[in-house]
PDB file of all heavy atoms in Angstrom:
ATOM      1  N   PHE A   1       0.847  -1.182   0.000  1.00  0.00           N
ATOM      2  CA  PHE A   1       0.000   0.000   0.000  1.00  0.00           C
ATOM      3  C   PHE A   1       0.884   1.233   0.000  1.00  0.00           C
ATOM      4  O   PHE A   1       2.070   1.188   0.345  1.00  0.00           O
ATOM      5  CB  PHE A   1      -0.934   0.010   1.210  1.00  0.00           C
ATOM      6  CG  PHE A   1      -0.247   0.360   2.503  1.00  0.00           C
ATOM      7  CD1 PHE A   1      -0.197   1.679   2.949  1.00  0.00           C
ATOM      8  CD2 PHE A   1       0.370  -0.612   3.269  1.00  0.00           C
ATOM      9  CE1 PHE A   1       0.453   2.007   4.133  1.00  0.00           C
ATOM     10  CE2 PHE A   1       1.019  -0.297   4.453  1.00  0.00           C
ATOM     11  CZ  PHE A   1       1.057   1.020   4.888  1.00  0.00           C
ATOM     12  N   LYS A   2       0.285   2.348  -0.369  1.00  0.00           N
ATOM     13  CA  LYS A   2       0.943   3.641  -0.240  1.00  0.00           C
ATOM     14  C   LYS A   2      -0.109   4.695   0.062  1.00  0.00           C
ATOM     15  O   LYS A   2      -1.293   4.520  -0.249  1.00  0.00           O
ATOM     16  CB  LYS A   2       1.709   4.007  -1.511  1.00  0.00           C
ATOM     17  CG  LYS A   2       0.833   4.228  -2.742  1.00  0.00           C
ATOM     18  CD  LYS A   2       1.689   4.615  -3.949  1.00  0.00           C
ATOM     19  CE  LYS A   2       0.835   4.856  -5.192  1.00  0.00           C
ATOM     20  NZ  LYS A   2       1.653   5.210  -6.373  1.00  0.00           N
ATOM     21  N   TYR A   3       0.311   5.759   0.702  1.00  0.00           N
ATOM     22  CA  TYR A   3      -0.588   6.873   0.979  1.00  0.00           C
ATOM     23  C   TYR A   3      -0.698   7.769  -0.257  1.00  0.00           C
ATOM     24  O   TYR A   3       0.310   8.134  -0.867  1.00  0.00           O
ATOM     25  CB  TYR A   3      -0.071   7.716   2.144  1.00  0.00           C
ATOM     26  CG  TYR A   3      -0.316   7.112   3.506  1.00  0.00           C
ATOM     27  CD1 TYR A   3       0.701   6.421   4.175  1.00  0.00           C
ATOM     28  CD2 TYR A   3      -1.541   7.253   4.137  1.00  0.00           C
ATOM     29  CE1 TYR A   3       0.490   5.877   5.435  1.00  0.00           C
ATOM     30  CE2 TYR A   3      -1.767   6.713   5.402  1.00  0.00           C
ATOM     31  CZ  TYR A   3      -0.742   6.029   6.042  1.00  0.00           C
ATOM     32  OH  TYR A   3      -0.951   5.495   7.288  1.00  0.00           O
ATOM     33  N   LEU A   4      -1.904   8.128  -0.615  1.00  0.00           N
ATOM     34  CA  LEU A   4      -2.136   9.162  -1.621  1.00  0.00           C
ATOM     35  C   LEU A   4      -2.346  10.514  -0.964  1.00  0.00           C
ATOM     36  O   LEU A   4      -2.127  11.559  -1.577  1.00  0.00           O
ATOM     37  CB  LEU A   4      -3.349   8.801  -2.478  1.00  0.00           C
ATOM     38  CG  LEU A   4      -3.263   7.472  -3.241  1.00  0.00           C
ATOM     39  CD1 LEU A   4      -4.543   7.228  -4.034  1.00  0.00           C
ATOM     40  CD2 LEU A   4      -2.050   7.439  -4.160  1.00  0.00           C
ATOM     41  N   SER A   5      -2.803  10.476   0.278  1.00  0.00           N
ATOM     42  CA  SER A   5      -2.978  11.660   1.122  1.00  0.00           C
ATOM     43  C   SER A   5      -3.134  11.140   2.547  1.00  0.00           C
ATOM     44  O   SER A   5      -3.221   9.924   2.763  1.00  0.00           O
ATOM     45  CB  SER A   5      -4.215  12.456   0.696  1.00  0.00           C
ATOM     46  OG  SER A   5      -5.400  11.805   1.124  1.00  0.00           O
ATOM     47  N   PRO A   6      -3.197  12.011   3.540  1.00  0.00           N
ATOM     48  CA  PRO A   6      -3.408  11.511   4.914  1.00  0.00           C
ATOM     49  C   PRO A   6      -4.724  10.761   5.101  1.00  0.00           C
ATOM     50  O   PRO A   6      -4.886  10.051   6.088  1.00  0.00           O
ATOM     51  CB  PRO A   6      -3.369  12.787   5.754  1.00  0.00           C
ATOM     52  CG  PRO A   6      -2.535  13.736   4.970  1.00  0.00           C
ATOM     53  CD  PRO A   6      -2.879  13.463   3.542  1.00  0.00           C
ATOM     54  N   THR A   7      -5.677  10.915   4.164  1.00  0.00           N
ATOM     55  CA  THR A   7      -6.972  10.251   4.306  1.00  0.00           C
ATOM     56  C   THR A   7      -7.288   9.303   3.158  1.00  0.00           C
ATOM     57  O   THR A   7      -8.429   8.866   3.026  1.00  0.00           O
ATOM     58  CB  THR A   7      -8.107  11.291   4.419  1.00  0.00           C
ATOM     59  OG1 THR A   7      -8.069  12.149   3.266  1.00  0.00           O
ATOM     60  CG2 THR A   7      -7.973  12.114   5.691  1.00  0.00           C
ATOM     61  N   LYS A   8      -6.296   8.969   2.330  1.00  0.00           N
ATOM     62  CA  LYS A   8      -6.546   8.051   1.218  1.00  0.00           C
ATOM     63  C   LYS A   8      -5.332   7.172   0.980  1.00  0.00           C
ATOM     64  O   LYS A   8      -4.197   7.657   0.998  1.00  0.00           O
ATOM     65  CB  LYS A   8      -6.905   8.820  -0.054  1.00  0.00           C
ATOM     66  CG  LYS A   8      -7.209   7.923  -1.251  1.00  0.00           C
ATOM     67  CD  LYS A   8      -7.657   8.720  -2.476  1.00  0.00           C
ATOM     68  CE  LYS A   8      -9.077   9.221  -2.306  1.00  0.00           C
ATOM     69  NZ  LYS A   8      -9.610   9.797  -3.582  1.00  0.00           N
ATOM     70  N   ILE A   9      -5.577   5.879   0.742  1.00  0.00           N
ATOM     71  CA  ILE A   9      -4.499   4.948   0.452  1.00  0.00           C
ATOM     72  C   ILE A   9      -4.777   4.220  -0.861  1.00  0.00           C
ATOM     73  O   ILE A   9      -5.920   4.150  -1.315  1.00  0.00           O
ATOM     74  CB  ILE A   9      -4.304   3.905   1.574  1.00  0.00           C
ATOM     75  CG1 ILE A   9      -5.587   3.079   1.777  1.00  0.00           C
ATOM     76  CG2 ILE A   9      -3.856   4.564   2.865  1.00  0.00           C
ATOM     77  CD1 ILE A   9      -5.427   1.897   2.726  1.00  0.00           C
ATOM     78  N   GLU A  10      -3.730   3.696  -1.438  1.00  0.00           N
ATOM     79  CA  GLU A  10      -3.840   2.846  -2.620  1.00  0.00           C
ATOM     80  C   GLU A  10      -3.242   1.490  -2.277  1.00  0.00           C
ATOM     81  O   GLU A  10      -2.102   1.407  -1.816  1.00  0.00           O
ATOM     82  CB  GLU A  10      -3.095   3.456  -3.805  1.00  0.00           C
ATOM     83  CG  GLU A  10      -3.188   2.613  -5.069  1.00  0.00           C
ATOM     84  CD  GLU A  10      -2.406   3.218  -6.212  1.00  0.00           C
ATOM     85  OE1 GLU A  10      -2.997   4.029  -6.955  1.00  0.00           O
ATOM     86  OE2 GLU A  10      -1.199   2.898  -6.340  1.00  0.00           O
ATOM     87  N   ILE A  11      -4.033   0.427  -2.475  1.00  0.00           N
ATOM     88  CA  ILE A  11      -3.605  -0.931  -2.154  1.00  0.00           C
ATOM     89  C   ILE A  11      -3.293  -1.664  -3.455  1.00  0.00           C
ATOM     90  O   ILE A  11      -4.067  -1.597  -4.412  1.00  0.00           O
ATOM     91  CB  ILE A  11      -4.709  -1.681  -1.385  1.00  0.00           C
ATOM     92  CG1 ILE A  11      -4.975  -1.013  -0.036  1.00  0.00           C
ATOM     93  CG2 ILE A  11      -4.345  -3.149  -1.187  1.00  0.00           C
ATOM     94  CD1 ILE A  11      -6.178  -1.570   0.703  1.00  0.00           C
ATOM     95  N   THR A  12      -2.140  -2.331  -3.479  1.00  0.00           N
ATOM     96  CA  THR A  12      -1.805  -3.193  -4.606  1.00  0.00           C
ATOM     97  C   THR A  12      -2.266  -4.604  -4.283  1.00  0.00           C
ATOM     98  O   THR A  12      -1.858  -5.183  -3.269  1.00  0.00           O
ATOM     99  CB  THR A  12      -0.297  -3.176  -4.892  1.00  0.00           C
ATOM    100  OG1 THR A  12       0.092  -1.832  -5.217  1.00  0.00           O
ATOM    101  CG2 THR A  12       0.046  -4.100  -6.056  1.00  0.00           C
ATOM    102  N   ARG A  13      -3.117  -5.142  -5.136  1.00  0.00           N
ATOM    103  CA  ARG A  13      -3.713  -6.454  -4.901  1.00  0.00           C
ATOM    104  C   ARG A  13      -2.726  -7.569  -5.306  1.00  0.00           C
ATOM    105  O   ARG A  13      -2.120  -7.514  -6.383  1.00  0.00           O
ATOM    106  CB  ARG A  13      -4.988  -6.584  -5.740  1.00  0.00           C
ATOM    107  CG  ARG A  13      -5.744  -7.896  -5.527  1.00  0.00           C
ATOM    108  CD  ARG A  13      -6.543  -8.305  -6.768  1.00  0.00           C
ATOM    109  NE  ARG A  13      -7.516  -7.328  -7.194  1.00  0.00           N
ATOM    110  CZ  ARG A  13      -8.784  -7.298  -6.786  1.00  0.00           C
ATOM    111  NH1 ARG A  13      -9.222  -8.192  -5.931  1.00  0.00           N
ATOM    112  NH2 ARG A  13      -9.611  -6.391  -7.233  1.00  0.00           N
ATOM    113  N   PRO A  14      -2.576  -8.592  -4.467  1.00  0.00           N
ATOM    114  CA  PRO A  14      -1.788  -9.766  -4.869  1.00  0.00           C
ATOM    115  C   PRO A  14      -2.395 -10.408  -6.118  1.00  0.00           C
ATOM    116  O   PRO A  14      -3.624 -10.480  -6.246  1.00  0.00           O
ATOM    117  CB  PRO A  14      -1.883 -10.691  -3.660  1.00  0.00           C
ATOM    118  CG  PRO A  14      -2.173  -9.787  -2.510  1.00  0.00           C
ATOM    119  CD  PRO A  14      -3.029  -8.690  -3.078  1.00  0.00           C
ATOM    120  N   LYS A  15      -1.588 -10.866  -7.009  1.00  0.00           N
ATOM    121  CA  LYS A  15      -2.070 -11.445  -8.266  1.00  0.00           C
ATOM    122  C   LYS A  15      -2.967 -12.646  -7.997  1.00  0.00           C
ATOM    123  O   LYS A  15      -2.656 -13.493  -7.177  1.00  0.00           O
ATOM    124  CB  LYS A  15      -0.888 -11.854  -9.149  1.00  0.00           C
ATOM    125  CG  LYS A  15      -0.115 -10.684  -9.731  1.00  0.00           C
ATOM    126  CD  LYS A  15       0.907 -11.158 -10.738  1.00  0.00           C
ATOM    127  CE  LYS A  15       1.697  -9.982 -11.302  1.00  0.00           C
ATOM    128  NZ  LYS A  15       0.836  -9.029 -12.007  1.00  0.00           N
ATOM    129  N   GLY A  16      -4.109 -12.672  -8.714  1.00  0.00           N
ATOM    130  CA  GLY A  16      -5.024 -13.803  -8.626  1.00  0.00           C
ATOM    131  C   GLY A  16      -5.910 -13.817  -7.408  1.00  0.00           C
ATOM    132  O   GLY A  16      -6.681 -14.769  -7.221  1.00  0.00           O
ATOM    133  N   LEU A  17      -5.838 -12.785  -6.565  1.00  0.00           N
ATOM    134  CA  LEU A  17      -6.633 -12.788  -5.334  1.00  0.00           C
ATOM    135  C   LEU A  17      -8.109 -12.538  -5.641  1.00  0.00           C
ATOM    136  O   LEU A  17      -8.461 -11.739  -6.505  1.00  0.00           O
ATOM    137  CB  LEU A  17      -6.118 -11.723  -4.370  1.00  0.00           C
ATOM    138  CG  LEU A  17      -6.654 -11.803  -2.933  1.00  0.00           C
ATOM    139  CD1 LEU A  17      -6.247 -13.111  -2.272  1.00  0.00           C
ATOM    140  CD2 LEU A  17      -6.135 -10.626  -2.110  1.00  0.00           C
ATOM    141  N   ASP A  18      -8.973 -13.225  -4.914  1.00  0.00           N
ATOM    142  CA  ASP A  18     -10.420 -13.141  -5.072  1.00  0.00           C
ATOM    143  C   ASP A  18     -10.908 -11.694  -4.927  1.00  0.00           C
ATOM    144  O   ASP A  18     -10.397 -10.922  -4.103  1.00  0.00           O
ATOM    145  CB  ASP A  18     -11.071 -14.028  -4.011  1.00  0.00           C
ATOM    146  CG  ASP A  18     -12.542 -14.246  -4.240  1.00  0.00           C
ATOM    147  OD1 ASP A  18     -13.328 -13.331  -3.902  1.00  0.00           O
ATOM    148  OD2 ASP A  18     -12.914 -15.313  -4.735  1.00  0.00           O
ATOM    149  N   ASN A  19     -11.923 -11.326  -5.717  1.00  0.00           N
ATOM    150  CA  ASN A  19     -12.476  -9.966  -5.667  1.00  0.00           C
ATOM    151  C   ASN A  19     -13.109  -9.634  -4.328  1.00  0.00           C
ATOM    152  O   ASN A  19     -13.233  -8.471  -3.960  1.00  0.00           O
ATOM    153  CB  ASN A  19     -13.525  -9.786  -6.761  1.00  0.00           C
ATOM    154  CG  ASN A  19     -12.949  -9.902  -8.154  1.00  0.00           C
ATOM    155  OD1 ASN A  19     -11.785  -9.595  -8.379  1.00  0.00           O
ATOM    156  ND2 ASN A  19     -13.761 -10.365  -9.095  1.00  0.00           N
ATOM    157  N   GLY A  20     -13.562 -10.669  -3.596  1.00  0.00           N
ATOM    158  CA  GLY A  20     -14.245 -10.444  -2.326  1.00  0.00           C
ATOM    159  C   GLY A  20     -13.339 -10.509  -1.115  1.00  0.00           C
ATOM    160  O   GLY A  20     -13.829 -10.591   0.016  1.00  0.00           O
ATOM    161  N   ALA A  21     -12.028 -10.437  -1.329  1.00  0.00           N
ATOM    162  CA  ALA A  21     -11.083 -10.518  -0.208  1.00  0.00           C
ATOM    163  C   ALA A  21     -11.272  -9.357   0.763  1.00  0.00           C
ATOM    164  O   ALA A  21     -11.724  -8.273   0.399  1.00  0.00           O
ATOM    165  CB  ALA A  21      -9.658 -10.546  -0.738  1.00  0.00           C
ATOM    166  N   ILE A  22     -10.895  -9.605   2.017  1.00  0.00           N
ATOM    167  CA  ILE A  22     -11.041  -8.629   3.100  1.00  0.00           C
ATOM    168  C   ILE A  22      -9.677  -8.000   3.381  1.00  0.00           C
ATOM    169  O   ILE A  22      -8.735  -8.691   3.776  1.00  0.00           O
ATOM    170  CB  ILE A  22     -11.572  -9.304   4.372  1.00  0.00           C
ATOM    171  CG1 ILE A  22     -12.908 -10.003   4.090  1.00  0.00           C
ATOM    172  CG2 ILE A  22     -11.704  -8.293   5.503  1.00  0.00           C
ATOM    173  CD1 ILE A  22     -13.312 -10.995   5.167  1.00  0.00           C
ATOM    174  N   TYR A  23      -9.570  -6.702   3.178  1.00  0.00           N
ATOM    175  CA  TYR A  23      -8.328  -5.972   3.441  1.00  0.00           C
ATOM    176  C   TYR A  23      -8.472  -5.211   4.756  1.00  0.00           C
ATOM    177  O   TYR A  23      -9.449  -4.486   4.963  1.00  0.00           O
ATOM    178  CB  TYR A  23      -8.030  -4.989   2.315  1.00  0.00           C
ATOM    179  CG  TYR A  23      -7.771  -5.643   0.979  1.00  0.00           C
ATOM    180  CD1 TYR A  23      -8.834  -6.023   0.156  1.00  0.00           C
ATOM    181  CD2 TYR A  23      -6.472  -5.884   0.538  1.00  0.00           C
ATOM    182  CE1 TYR A  23      -8.606  -6.630  -1.078  1.00  0.00           C
ATOM    183  CE2 TYR A  23      -6.236  -6.489  -0.696  1.00  0.00           C
ATOM    184  CZ  TYR A  23      -7.314  -6.862  -1.489  1.00  0.00           C
ATOM    185  OH  TYR A  23      -7.084  -7.466  -2.703  1.00  0.00           O
ATOM    186  N   GLU A  24      -7.493  -5.356   5.615  1.00  0.00           N
ATOM    187  CA  GLU A  24      -7.489  -4.634   6.897  1.00  0.00           C
ATOM    188  C   GLU A  24      -6.307  -3.676   6.918  1.00  0.00           C
ATOM    189  O   GLU A  24      -5.202  -4.027   6.497  1.00  0.00           O
ATOM    190  CB  GLU A  24      -7.387  -5.620   8.059  1.00  0.00           C
ATOM    191  CG  GLU A  24      -7.485  -4.961   9.427  1.00  0.00           C
ATOM    192  CD  GLU A  24      -7.468  -5.997  10.540  1.00  0.00           C
ATOM    193  OE1 GLU A  24      -6.367  -6.522  10.834  1.00  0.00           O
ATOM    194  OE2 GLU A  24      -8.531  -6.301  11.099  1.00  0.00           O
ATOM    195  N   PHE A  25      -6.554  -2.464   7.404  1.00  0.00           N
ATOM    196  CA  PHE A  25      -5.515  -1.435   7.461  1.00  0.00           C
ATOM    197  C   PHE A  25      -5.536  -0.806   8.848  1.00  0.00           C
ATOM    198  O   PHE A  25      -6.573  -0.299   9.294  1.00  0.00           O
ATOM    199  CB  PHE A  25      -5.764  -0.372   6.380  1.00  0.00           C
ATOM    200  CG  PHE A  25      -4.669   0.647   6.261  1.00  0.00           C
ATOM    201  CD1 PHE A  25      -3.441   0.310   5.713  1.00  0.00           C
ATOM    202  CD2 PHE A  25      -4.868   1.949   6.690  1.00  0.00           C
ATOM    203  CE1 PHE A  25      -2.429   1.244   5.593  1.00  0.00           C
ATOM    204  CE2 PHE A  25      -3.862   2.899   6.580  1.00  0.00           C
ATOM    205  CZ  PHE A  25      -2.638   2.553   6.030  1.00  0.00           C
ATOM    206  N   ILE A  26      -4.401  -0.850   9.534  1.00  0.00           N
ATOM    207  CA  ILE A  26      -4.286  -0.314  10.893  1.00  0.00           C
ATOM    208  C   ILE A  26      -3.208   0.760  10.889  1.00  0.00           C
ATOM    209  O   ILE A  26      -2.083   0.520  10.428  1.00  0.00           O
ATOM    210  CB  ILE A  26      -3.946  -1.425  11.905  1.00  0.00           C
ATOM    211  CG1 ILE A  26      -5.050  -2.500  11.899  1.00  0.00           C
ATOM    212  CG2 ILE A  26      -3.775  -0.852  13.304  1.00  0.00           C
ATOM    213  CD1 ILE A  26      -4.719  -3.717  12.734  1.00  0.00           C
ATOM    214  N   TYR A  27      -3.547   1.932  11.402  1.00  0.00           N
ATOM    215  CA  TYR A  27      -2.627   3.068  11.335  1.00  0.00           C
ATOM    216  C   TYR A  27      -2.842   3.999  12.531  1.00  0.00           C
ATOM    217  O   TYR A  27      -3.861   3.926  13.215  1.00  0.00           O
ATOM    218  CB  TYR A  27      -2.839   3.834  10.030  1.00  0.00           C
ATOM    219  CG  TYR A  27      -4.186   4.529   9.927  1.00  0.00           C
ATOM    220  CD1 TYR A  27      -4.289   5.913  10.045  1.00  0.00           C
ATOM    221  CD2 TYR A  27      -5.375   3.811   9.736  1.00  0.00           C
ATOM    222  CE1 TYR A  27      -5.516   6.558   9.959  1.00  0.00           C
ATOM    223  CE2 TYR A  27      -6.601   4.448   9.642  1.00  0.00           C
ATOM    224  CZ  TYR A  27      -6.672   5.816   9.756  1.00  0.00           C
ATOM    225  OH  TYR A  27      -7.888   6.452   9.684  1.00  0.00           O
ATOM    226  N   MET A  28      -1.869   4.883  12.773  1.00  0.00           N
ATOM    227  CA  MET A  28      -2.015   5.900  13.799  1.00  0.00           C
ATOM    228  C   MET A  28      -2.805   7.070  13.229  1.00  0.00           C
ATOM    229  O   MET A  28      -2.447   7.625  12.186  1.00  0.00           O
ATOM    230  CB  MET A  28      -0.653   6.386  14.287  1.00  0.00           C
ATOM    231  CG  MET A  28       0.074   5.372  15.160  1.00  0.00           C
ATOM    232  SD  MET A  28      -0.785   5.054  16.732  1.00  0.00           S
ATOM    233  CE  MET A  28      -0.642   6.660  17.519  1.00  0.00           C
ATOM    234  N   ALA A  29      -3.884   7.434  13.919  1.00  0.00           N
ATOM    235  CA  ALA A  29      -4.797   8.454  13.417  1.00  0.00           C
ATOM    236  C   ALA A  29      -4.869   9.648  14.358  1.00  0.00           C
ATOM    237  O   ALA A  29      -4.472   9.580  15.530  1.00  0.00           O
ATOM    238  CB  ALA A  29      -6.185   7.846  13.231  1.00  0.00           C
ATOM    239  N   LYS A  30      -5.408  10.749  13.814  1.00  0.00           N
ATOM    240  CA  LYS A  30      -5.615  11.963  14.601  1.00  0.00           C
ATOM    241  C   LYS A  30      -6.988  12.551  14.255  1.00  0.00           C
ATOM    242  O   LYS A  30      -7.718  12.007  13.429  1.00  0.00           O
ATOM    243  CB  LYS A  30      -4.514  12.980  14.313  1.00  0.00           C
ATOM    244  CG  LYS A  30      -4.474  13.461  12.866  1.00  0.00           C
ATOM    245  CD  LYS A  30      -3.334  14.454  12.640  1.00  0.00           C
ATOM    246  CE  LYS A  30      -3.302  14.921  11.183  1.00  0.00           C
ATOM    247  NZ  LYS A  30      -2.206  15.886  10.934  1.00  0.00           N
TER     248      LYS A  30
END
């Protein structure tokens, strides 16, 4: 993943992964 802004991220999907996969993101917030 990478940050596009403090409130938006871009996730790179592993090849062949199911469309319904569950992505979890944990970060320090303010």
